[in-house]
Amino acid sequence: MLVKEFVETDCETAIINGRIISLRRLGKITFGVISDSTGHLQFAVKKDLFGEKYKEITSSLERGIHISISGVRWVTQTGELTILGNELTVIQSARSSLPDKWSGLSDKETIYRNRWISTSTDVSAADVFN
C-alpha cells in the first residue's frame, strides 16, 4: 500500500514499503519516517510487540534503507498519524548514508551527479520528475 492510500483511507492494518528518511530511538520505542513516491508517514516499533527481537531489529535500522513495515493505524499523543509495526523487514540496505537533516546537500556537483541523493532528500527535486 502506498503512503497516500494509507492516509486517505480508514483501513486499520496495512503493509507499507519505503525508504527511512529519519529515525528517533526513545528507549522502548523507536519512531521513524518512511517515504515513498506519494508522501511521508511516521512509523513506530515498540519493544512490547517485538520482544527479544527488538534490539536486533532497531540496530539494523538506519536512514536511507528500504523497509517493509506491517502494522496497525495509530495516532500518537501529539496527534501524528502513525503505523505501529508488528512486523518489519529490511528490503535493501543503503548504498551510502544520506546527508544529515539540517545541512542537506551543499555541494552542487553532488546534487547534479548523484540525482538519487538529491531526490531522496529534497521533495522539490523529486517533483521535477513527476
N, C-alpha and C. Protein backbone atom coordinates (compact mmCIF):
# COMPACT_ATOMS: atom_id res chain seq x y z
N MET A 1 0.84 -1.17 0.00
CA MET A 1 0.00 0.00 0.00
C MET A 1 0.89 1.24 0.00
N LEU A 2 0.48 2.24 -0.73
CA LEU A 2 1.21 3.50 -0.76
C LEU A 2 0.85 4.36 0.45
N VAL A 3 1.75 5.25 0.81
CA VAL A 3 1.52 6.13 1.97
C VAL A 3 0.26 6.96 1.77
N LYS A 4 0.07 7.51 0.59
CA LYS A 4 -1.11 8.35 0.31
C LYS A 4 -2.40 7.57 0.50
N GLU A 5 -2.43 6.31 0.06
CA GLU A 5 -3.62 5.47 0.24
C GLU A 5 -3.89 5.22 1.71
N PHE A 6 -2.84 4.96 2.49
CA PHE A 6 -3.00 4.71 3.92
C PHE A 6 -3.55 5.93 4.64
N VAL A 7 -3.07 7.11 4.28
CA VAL A 7 -3.52 8.35 4.92
C VAL A 7 -4.96 8.66 4.55
N GLU A 8 -5.33 8.45 3.29
CA GLU A 8 -6.66 8.84 2.82
C GLU A 8 -7.76 7.84 3.16
N THR A 9 -7.42 6.58 3.38
CA THR A 9 -8.44 5.59 3.69
C THR A 9 -8.50 5.35 5.20
N ASP A 10 -9.51 4.62 5.63
CA ASP A 10 -9.70 4.33 7.04
C ASP A 10 -9.30 2.90 7.39
N CYS A 11 -8.41 2.31 6.60
CA CYS A 11 -8.02 0.93 6.88
C CYS A 11 -7.26 0.86 8.21
N GLU A 12 -7.47 -0.22 8.92
CA GLU A 12 -6.83 -0.38 10.24
C GLU A 12 -5.46 -1.02 10.15
N THR A 13 -5.27 -1.92 9.18
CA THR A 13 -3.98 -2.58 9.03
C THR A 13 -3.45 -2.33 7.63
N ALA A 14 -2.13 -2.35 7.51
CA ALA A 14 -1.52 -2.10 6.19
C ALA A 14 -0.09 -2.60 6.18
N ILE A 15 0.42 -2.76 4.97
CA ILE A 15 1.84 -3.03 4.75
C ILE A 15 2.36 -1.90 3.88
N ILE A 16 3.34 -1.18 4.39
CA ILE A 16 3.89 -0.02 3.69
C ILE A 16 5.36 -0.29 3.37
N ASN A 17 5.76 0.03 2.15
CA ASN A 17 7.15 -0.09 1.72
C ASN A 17 7.70 1.30 1.45
N GLY A 18 8.96 1.55 1.82
CA GLY A 18 9.56 2.84 1.53
C GLY A 18 10.94 2.98 2.14
N ARG A 19 11.48 4.17 2.00
CA ARG A 19 12.83 4.48 2.49
C ARG A 19 12.73 5.24 3.81
N ILE A 20 13.57 4.87 4.76
CA ILE A 20 13.61 5.59 6.04
C ILE A 20 14.36 6.90 5.83
N ILE A 21 13.70 8.02 6.15
CA ILE A 21 14.35 9.31 5.99
C ILE A 21 14.72 9.95 7.32
N SER A 22 14.12 9.48 8.41
CA SER A 22 14.56 9.93 9.73
C SER A 22 14.26 8.84 10.75
N LEU A 23 15.00 8.87 11.85
CA LEU A 23 14.90 7.82 12.86
C LEU A 23 15.18 8.40 14.23
N ARG A 24 14.33 8.07 15.22
CA ARG A 24 14.50 8.54 16.61
C ARG A 24 14.29 7.36 17.55
N ARG A 25 15.30 7.05 18.32
CA ARG A 25 15.21 5.96 19.29
C ARG A 25 14.93 6.55 20.66
N LEU A 26 13.85 6.09 21.30
CA LEU A 26 13.43 6.62 22.59
C LEU A 26 13.19 5.49 23.58
N GLY A 27 14.23 4.81 24.00
CA GLY A 27 14.08 3.74 24.98
C GLY A 27 13.38 2.52 24.42
N LYS A 28 12.14 2.28 24.85
CA LYS A 28 11.41 1.08 24.45
C LYS A 28 10.57 1.27 23.19
N ILE A 29 10.74 2.41 22.53
CA ILE A 29 10.02 2.66 21.28
C ILE A 29 10.95 3.41 20.32
N THR A 30 10.86 3.07 19.06
CA THR A 30 11.63 3.74 18.03
C THR A 30 10.66 4.32 17.01
N PHE A 31 10.81 5.61 16.73
CA PHE A 31 9.99 6.29 15.74
C PHE A 31 10.84 6.57 14.51
N GLY A 32 10.21 6.57 13.37
CA GLY A 32 10.90 6.92 12.14
C GLY A 32 9.90 7.46 11.14
N VAL A 33 10.43 8.02 10.07
CA VAL A 33 9.58 8.50 8.98
C VAL A 33 9.96 7.71 7.74
N ILE A 34 8.95 7.13 7.12
CA ILE A 34 9.15 6.35 5.90
C ILE A 34 8.57 7.16 4.74
N SER A 35 9.25 7.10 3.61
CA SER A 35 8.86 7.89 2.46
C SER A 35 8.76 7.00 1.23
N ASP A 36 7.72 7.24 0.44
CA ASP A 36 7.65 6.62 -0.88
C ASP A 36 7.31 7.72 -1.88
N SER A 37 6.96 7.35 -3.08
CA SER A 37 6.73 8.35 -4.13
C SER A 37 5.50 9.22 -3.87
N THR A 38 4.64 8.82 -2.94
CA THR A 38 3.41 9.57 -2.71
C THR A 38 3.42 10.42 -1.45
N GLY A 39 4.41 10.25 -0.57
CA GLY A 39 4.45 11.06 0.64
C GLY A 39 5.25 10.44 1.76
N HIS A 40 5.07 11.01 2.95
CA HIS A 40 5.80 10.58 4.15
C HIS A 40 4.81 10.09 5.19
N LEU A 41 5.24 9.14 6.03
CA LEU A 41 4.42 8.62 7.11
C LEU A 41 5.31 8.21 8.26
N GLN A 42 4.88 8.53 9.46
CA GLN A 42 5.64 8.12 10.64
C GLN A 42 5.33 6.65 10.95
N PHE A 43 6.35 5.93 11.38
CA PHE A 43 6.15 4.56 11.84
C PHE A 43 6.75 4.42 13.23
N ALA A 44 6.27 3.44 13.97
CA ALA A 44 6.77 3.19 15.32
C ALA A 44 6.98 1.69 15.51
N VAL A 45 8.04 1.36 16.25
CA VAL A 45 8.35 -0.02 16.59
C VAL A 45 8.47 -0.06 18.11
N LYS A 46 7.58 -0.85 18.77
CA LYS A 46 7.59 -0.95 20.22
C LYS A 46 8.26 -2.24 20.69
N LYS A 47 8.97 -2.15 21.79
CA LYS A 47 9.65 -3.32 22.35
C LYS A 47 8.62 -4.36 22.80
N ASP A 48 7.47 -3.92 23.29
CA ASP A 48 6.42 -4.84 23.76
C ASP A 48 5.97 -5.79 22.64
N LEU A 49 5.90 -5.28 21.41
CA LEU A 49 5.40 -6.08 20.29
C LEU A 49 6.45 -7.00 19.69
N PHE A 50 7.73 -6.63 19.79
CA PHE A 50 8.79 -7.42 19.16
C PHE A 50 9.55 -8.29 20.15
N GLY A 51 9.47 -7.98 21.44
CA GLY A 51 10.12 -8.80 22.46
C GLY A 51 11.63 -8.87 22.30
N GLU A 52 12.14 -10.10 22.24
CA GLU A 52 13.59 -10.34 22.16
C GLU A 52 14.21 -9.77 20.88
N LYS A 53 13.45 -9.73 19.79
CA LYS A 53 13.98 -9.29 18.51
C LYS A 53 14.09 -7.76 18.40
N TYR A 54 13.55 -7.01 19.37
CA TYR A 54 13.50 -5.55 19.28
C TYR A 54 14.89 -4.94 19.07
N LYS A 55 15.85 -5.34 19.88
CA LYS A 55 17.19 -4.75 19.80
C LYS A 55 17.85 -5.08 18.46
N GLU A 56 17.68 -6.31 17.99
CA GLU A 56 18.25 -6.71 16.71
C GLU A 56 17.64 -5.92 15.55
N ILE A 57 16.32 -5.75 15.60
CA ILE A 57 15.64 -5.04 14.52
C ILE A 57 16.01 -3.57 14.52
N THR A 58 15.95 -2.91 15.67
CA THR A 58 16.23 -1.48 15.71
C THR A 58 17.69 -1.16 15.44
N SER A 59 18.60 -2.08 15.75
CA SER A 59 20.01 -1.82 15.46
C SER A 59 20.29 -1.93 13.96
N SER A 60 19.45 -2.65 13.23
CA SER A 60 19.65 -2.77 11.78
C SER A 60 19.04 -1.60 11.02
N LEU A 61 18.25 -0.76 11.69
CA LEU A 61 17.62 0.37 11.02
C LEU A 61 18.57 1.55 10.96
N GLU A 62 18.60 2.21 9.81
CA GLU A 62 19.37 3.43 9.64
C GLU A 62 18.73 4.24 8.51
N ARG A 63 19.05 5.51 8.45
CA ARG A 63 18.49 6.36 7.41
C ARG A 63 18.96 5.89 6.04
N GLY A 64 18.03 5.86 5.08
CA GLY A 64 18.37 5.50 3.72
C GLY A 64 18.02 4.10 3.31
N ILE A 65 17.76 3.19 4.26
CA ILE A 65 17.44 1.82 3.86
C ILE A 65 15.97 1.71 3.49
N HIS A 66 15.67 0.74 2.66
CA HIS A 66 14.29 0.47 2.26
C HIS A 66 13.74 -0.63 3.16
N ILE A 67 12.55 -0.40 3.70
CA ILE A 67 11.92 -1.38 4.58
C ILE A 67 10.49 -1.64 4.15
N SER A 68 9.96 -2.73 4.65
CA SER A 68 8.55 -3.05 4.55
C SER A 68 8.06 -3.20 5.97
N ILE A 69 7.03 -2.43 6.33
CA ILE A 69 6.50 -2.49 7.69
C ILE A 69 5.02 -2.82 7.64
N SER A 70 4.66 -3.81 8.42
CA SER A 70 3.27 -4.24 8.52
C SER A 70 2.78 -3.85 9.91
N GLY A 71 1.61 -3.24 9.97
CA GLY A 71 1.13 -2.83 11.27
C GLY A 71 -0.27 -2.24 11.24
N VAL A 72 -0.62 -1.59 12.34
CA VAL A 72 -1.95 -1.03 12.51
C VAL A 72 -1.89 0.49 12.59
N ARG A 73 -3.00 1.11 12.24
CA ARG A 73 -3.13 2.57 12.32
C ARG A 73 -3.10 2.98 13.79
N TRP A 74 -2.35 4.03 14.10
CA TRP A 74 -2.21 4.50 15.47
C TRP A 74 -2.00 6.00 15.43
N VAL A 75 -2.60 6.72 16.35
CA VAL A 75 -2.40 8.16 16.46
C VAL A 75 -1.66 8.41 17.76
N THR A 76 -0.53 9.11 17.70
CA THR A 76 0.30 9.35 18.88
C THR A 76 -0.34 10.41 19.77
N GLN A 77 0.27 10.65 20.92
CA GLN A 77 -0.23 11.65 21.86
C GLN A 77 -0.21 13.05 21.25
N THR A 78 0.69 13.29 20.31
CA THR A 78 0.77 14.60 19.66
C THR A 78 -0.16 14.70 18.45
N GLY A 79 -0.90 13.64 18.14
CA GLY A 79 -1.87 13.67 17.05
C GLY A 79 -1.31 13.26 15.70
N GLU A 80 -0.11 12.71 15.66
CA GLU A 80 0.53 12.29 14.40
C GLU A 80 0.04 10.91 13.99
N LEU A 81 -0.43 10.80 12.75
CA LEU A 81 -0.84 9.50 12.21
C LEU A 81 0.39 8.63 12.04
N THR A 82 0.32 7.41 12.58
CA THR A 82 1.48 6.52 12.64
C THR A 82 1.05 5.10 12.30
N ILE A 83 1.95 4.35 11.71
CA ILE A 83 1.72 2.92 11.57
C ILE A 83 2.56 2.24 12.64
N LEU A 84 1.88 1.54 13.54
CA LEU A 84 2.54 0.85 14.64
C LEU A 84 2.88 -0.55 14.16
N GLY A 85 4.17 -0.78 13.94
CA GLY A 85 4.61 -2.01 13.30
C GLY A 85 4.55 -3.23 14.19
N ASN A 86 4.10 -4.34 13.61
CA ASN A 86 4.19 -5.63 14.31
C ASN A 86 5.07 -6.60 13.52
N GLU A 87 5.48 -6.19 12.30
CA GLU A 87 6.44 -6.95 11.51
C GLU A 87 7.22 -5.97 10.64
N LEU A 88 8.53 -6.12 10.62
CA LEU A 88 9.37 -5.21 9.86
C LEU A 88 10.44 -6.02 9.13
N THR A 89 10.62 -5.72 7.85
CA THR A 89 11.60 -6.42 7.03
C THR A 89 12.47 -5.40 6.31
N VAL A 90 13.78 -5.59 6.37
CA VAL A 90 14.70 -4.75 5.60
C VAL A 90 14.73 -5.29 4.18
N ILE A 91 14.36 -4.45 3.22
CA ILE A 91 14.32 -4.86 1.82
C ILE A 91 15.68 -4.67 1.17
N GLN A 92 16.28 -3.49 1.40
CA GLN A 92 17.56 -3.19 0.77
C GLN A 92 18.34 -2.23 1.65
N SER A 93 19.62 -2.50 1.83
CA SER A 93 20.48 -1.62 2.60
C SER A 93 20.82 -0.38 1.78
N ALA A 94 21.23 0.67 2.46
CA ALA A 94 21.59 1.91 1.79
C ALA A 94 22.94 1.76 1.10
N ARG A 95 23.07 2.35 -0.08
CA ARG A 95 24.36 2.35 -0.78
C ARG A 95 25.37 3.19 -0.02
N SER A 96 24.93 4.31 0.47
CA SER A 96 25.75 5.16 1.33
C SER A 96 24.78 5.94 2.20
N SER A 97 25.28 6.52 3.27
CA SER A 97 24.38 7.23 4.17
C SER A 97 23.89 8.52 3.53
N LEU A 98 22.66 8.89 3.88
CA LEU A 98 22.07 10.12 3.36
C LEU A 98 22.66 11.32 4.07
N PRO A 99 22.64 12.48 3.45
CA PRO A 99 23.09 13.69 4.14
C PRO A 99 22.21 13.95 5.36
N ASP A 100 22.78 14.60 6.37
CA ASP A 100 22.00 14.84 7.58
C ASP A 100 20.85 15.81 7.32
N LYS A 101 19.91 15.80 8.23
CA LYS A 101 18.66 16.52 8.05
C LYS A 101 18.86 18.03 7.98
N TRP A 102 19.79 18.57 8.72
CA TRP A 102 19.91 20.02 8.86
C TRP A 102 20.73 20.67 7.76
N SER A 103 21.86 20.10 7.40
CA SER A 103 22.70 20.76 6.40
C SER A 103 22.33 20.36 4.98
N GLY A 104 21.79 19.16 4.81
CA GLY A 104 21.39 18.70 3.48
C GLY A 104 22.56 18.61 2.53
N LEU A 105 22.27 18.75 1.26
CA LEU A 105 23.33 18.73 0.25
C LEU A 105 23.76 20.16 -0.03
N SER A 106 25.05 20.42 0.09
CA SER A 106 25.54 21.77 -0.19
C SER A 106 26.47 21.78 -1.40
N ASP A 107 27.02 20.65 -1.77
CA ASP A 107 27.93 20.55 -2.91
C ASP A 107 27.11 20.45 -4.20
N LYS A 108 27.23 21.44 -5.06
CA LYS A 108 26.45 21.48 -6.31
C LYS A 108 26.76 20.29 -7.22
N GLU A 109 28.02 19.87 -7.25
CA GLU A 109 28.38 18.76 -8.12
C GLU A 109 27.71 17.46 -7.66
N THR A 110 27.63 17.25 -6.35
CA THR A 110 26.94 16.07 -5.81
C THR A 110 25.46 16.11 -6.17
N ILE A 111 24.87 17.28 -6.11
CA ILE A 111 23.45 17.43 -6.44
C ILE A 111 23.19 17.00 -7.88
N TYR A 112 24.03 17.42 -8.81
CA TYR A 112 23.82 17.11 -10.23
C TYR A 112 24.28 15.71 -10.62
N ARG A 113 25.37 15.23 -10.07
CA ARG A 113 25.91 13.93 -10.48
C ARG A 113 25.24 12.75 -9.77
N ASN A 114 24.80 12.96 -8.55
CA ASN A 114 24.15 11.89 -7.78
C ASN A 114 22.69 12.27 -7.54
N ARG A 115 21.90 12.18 -8.59
CA ARG A 115 20.49 12.57 -8.52
C ARG A 115 19.70 11.80 -7.48
N TRP A 116 20.06 10.54 -7.27
CA TRP A 116 19.32 9.71 -6.32
C TRP A 116 19.42 10.27 -4.91
N ILE A 117 20.54 10.90 -4.57
CA ILE A 117 20.66 11.52 -3.24
C ILE A 117 19.79 12.76 -3.17
N SER A 118 19.87 13.57 -4.21
CA SER A 118 19.11 14.82 -4.25
C SER A 118 17.61 14.57 -4.18
N THR A 119 17.11 13.61 -4.96
CA THR A 119 15.67 13.37 -5.00
C THR A 119 15.15 12.69 -3.73
N SER A 120 16.00 11.96 -3.03
CA SER A 120 15.53 11.29 -1.82
C SER A 120 15.57 12.21 -0.60
N THR A 121 16.30 13.31 -0.68
CA THR A 121 16.35 14.23 0.47
C THR A 121 15.59 15.52 0.24
N ASP A 122 15.34 15.89 -1.01
CA ASP A 122 14.68 17.16 -1.32
C ASP A 122 13.40 16.89 -2.12
N VAL A 123 12.27 17.23 -1.53
CA VAL A 123 10.97 16.96 -2.16
C VAL A 123 10.82 17.75 -3.46
N SER A 124 11.29 18.99 -3.49
CA SER A 124 11.14 19.80 -4.70
C SER A 124 11.97 19.24 -5.85
N ALA A 125 13.11 18.63 -5.56
CA ALA A 125 13.92 18.00 -6.61
C ALA A 125 13.21 16.77 -7.16
N ALA A 126 12.51 16.04 -6.33
CA ALA A 126 11.78 14.86 -6.78
C ALA A 126 10.56 15.24 -7.60
N ASP A 127 9.96 16.39 -7.32
CA ASP A 127 8.78 16.84 -8.06
C ASP A 127 9.08 17.13 -9.53
N VAL A 128 10.33 17.41 -9.86
CA VAL A 128 10.73 17.67 -11.24
C VAL A 128 10.42 16.46 -12.12
N PHE A 129 10.54 15.26 -11.55
CA PHE A 129 10.33 14.05 -12.34
C PHE A 129 8.89 13.56 -12.34
N ASN A 130 8.01 14.23 -11.64
CA ASN A 130 6.60 13.79 -11.59
C ASN A 130 5.75 14.51 -12.61
